[in-house]
Protein backbone atom coordinates (compact mmCIF):
# COMPACT_ATOMS: atom_id res chain seq x y z
CA UNK A 1 -37.75 -4.27 -53.88
CA UNK A 2 -40.31 -2.62 -56.19
CA UNK A 3 -39.93 -3.36 -59.88
CA UNK A 4 -41.79 -1.56 -62.65
CA UNK A 5 -42.31 -2.47 -66.34
CA UNK A 6 -43.78 -0.15 -68.85
CA UNK A 7 -45.49 -1.42 -72.02
CA UNK A 8 -47.64 -0.17 -74.90
CA UNK A 9 -47.80 0.30 -78.64
CA UNK A 10 -44.69 1.99 -79.95
CA UNK A 11 -46.06 3.84 -82.99
CA UNK A 12 -49.32 5.78 -83.30
CA UNK A 13 -50.62 8.45 -85.66
CA UNK A 14 -51.39 11.99 -84.70
CA UNK A 15 -54.83 12.57 -83.17
CA UNK A 16 -55.03 8.83 -82.03
CA UNK A 17 -55.41 7.59 -78.47
CA UNK A 18 -52.90 5.41 -76.78
CA UNK A 19 -52.72 3.65 -73.48
CA UNK A 20 -49.53 2.66 -71.61
CA UNK A 21 -49.30 0.22 -68.78
CA UNK A 22 -46.95 0.09 -65.77
CA UNK A 23 -46.97 -3.30 -64.17
CA UNK A 24 -45.71 -3.48 -60.62
CA UNK A 25 -44.01 -6.27 -58.82
CA UNK A 26 -42.47 -6.39 -55.38
CA UNK A 27 -45.01 -3.98 -54.04
CA UNK A 28 -48.75 -3.09 -54.14
CA UNK A 29 -50.11 -0.39 -56.36
CA UNK A 30 -52.72 0.08 -53.61
CA UNK A 31 -50.04 1.09 -51.17
CA UNK A 32 -49.18 4.64 -50.00
CA UNK A 33 -46.55 4.99 -52.59
CA UNK A 34 -46.77 7.77 -55.23
CA UNK A 35 -46.90 6.25 -58.71
CA UNK A 36 -45.89 8.67 -61.49
CA UNK A 37 -45.57 8.94 -65.25
CA UNK A 38 -42.58 10.93 -66.59
CA UNK A 39 -41.38 11.29 -70.17
CA UNK A 40 -38.20 12.40 -72.00
CA UNK A 41 -38.50 13.74 -75.49
CA UNK A 42 -35.55 13.63 -77.86
CA UNK A 43 -32.90 16.21 -76.83
CA UNK A 44 -34.90 17.32 -73.79
CA UNK A 45 -34.95 16.65 -70.04
CA UNK A 46 -37.41 14.72 -67.98
CA UNK A 47 -40.96 15.99 -67.97
CA UNK A 48 -43.44 15.05 -65.22
CA UNK A 49 -46.84 13.96 -66.50
CA UNK A 50 -48.70 13.17 -63.30
CA UNK A 51 -49.09 10.89 -60.40
CA UNK A 52 -51.53 8.81 -58.52
CA UNK A 53 -51.64 7.40 -55.05
CA UNK A 54 -54.24 5.58 -52.88
CA UNK A 55 -56.73 8.56 -52.85
CA UNK A 56 -55.39 11.23 -55.15
CA UNK A 57 -54.41 11.95 -58.76
CA UNK A 58 -52.41 14.94 -60.03
CA UNK A 59 -51.53 16.11 -63.46
CA UNK A 60 -49.05 18.56 -64.96
CA UNK A 61 -50.75 21.58 -66.57
CA UNK A 62 -49.20 20.64 -69.80
CA UNK A 63 -51.28 17.40 -70.13
CA UNK A 64 -54.22 18.16 -67.91
CA UNK A 65 -57.51 17.18 -69.81
CA UNK A 66 -55.71 15.21 -72.45
CA UNK A 67 -53.93 12.53 -70.30
CA UNK A 68 -55.60 10.31 -67.70
CA UNK A 69 -53.80 8.22 -65.07
CA UNK A 70 -55.59 5.29 -63.52
CA UNK A 71 -54.81 2.00 -61.81
CA UNK A 72 -56.17 -1.53 -61.50
CA UNK A 73 -55.44 -2.83 -58.02
CA UNK A 74 -56.31 -6.39 -58.95
CA UNK A 75 -53.80 -6.36 -61.85
CA UNK A 76 -51.24 -4.28 -59.80
CA UNK A 77 -50.97 -2.01 -62.83
CA UNK A 78 -51.07 1.70 -63.47
CA UNK A 79 -52.14 3.17 -66.82
CA UNK A 80 -51.58 6.32 -68.79
CA UNK A 81 -54.30 7.07 -71.30
CA UNK A 82 -53.25 9.71 -73.85
CA UNK A 83 -55.73 11.33 -76.08
CA UNK A 84 -55.30 13.52 -79.17
CA UNK A 85 -51.74 12.63 -79.55
CA UNK A 86 -49.31 15.11 -81.17
CA UNK A 87 -45.92 14.60 -82.77
CA UNK A 88 -44.44 16.45 -79.84
CA UNK A 89 -45.66 13.69 -77.52
CA UNK A 90 -42.96 11.45 -78.95
CA UNK A 91 -40.83 10.48 -76.12
CA UNK A 92 -39.67 7.65 -73.83
CA UNK A 93 -42.24 7.15 -71.16
CA UNK A 94 -41.26 6.09 -67.71
CA UNK A 95 -43.21 5.12 -64.64
CA UNK A 96 -41.74 5.44 -61.12
CA UNK A 97 -42.68 4.72 -57.59
CA UNK A 98 -41.78 6.85 -54.57
CA UNK A 99 -42.05 6.30 -50.87
CA UNK A 100 -38.91 6.34 -48.83
CA UNK A 101 -37.08 5.26 -51.99
CA UNK A 102 -37.50 5.96 -55.64
CA UNK A 103 -37.84 3.13 -58.24
CA UNK A 104 -37.95 3.54 -61.99
CA UNK A 105 -38.98 1.37 -64.81
CA UNK A 106 -36.91 0.95 -67.92
CA UNK A 107 -39.15 3.05 -70.14
CA UNK A 108 -41.01 2.55 -73.39
CA UNK A 109 -40.76 4.42 -76.58
CA UNK A 110 -43.78 6.22 -78.03
CA UNK A 111 -43.53 7.65 -81.45
CA UNK A 112 -46.34 9.80 -82.88
CA UNK A 113 -45.98 10.07 -86.58
CA UNK A 114 -48.10 9.85 -89.74
């Protein structure tokens, strides 16, 4: 069974850059799964950020050009690099994996505040 664990700094200032990691176990990040980033801001629903698979990367229009998804096959880890952070980027960030089944990480809190 695929397991995912998000990690990263919890608090950053506006305009700063932050990188989140999603470490995968029980499966390979180089497989044909879709590996996605999703967030949930306070009082809001889930918001799709983007996804990566073995040969493609997609982004939601809301973050295109500011967020970058990448992966390191050797470390079996996916990353979300977020530039020019804004207070409205404050959210719990989740990674998930989808093939025939959907697996979720537990999420990591990101707070953007001065």
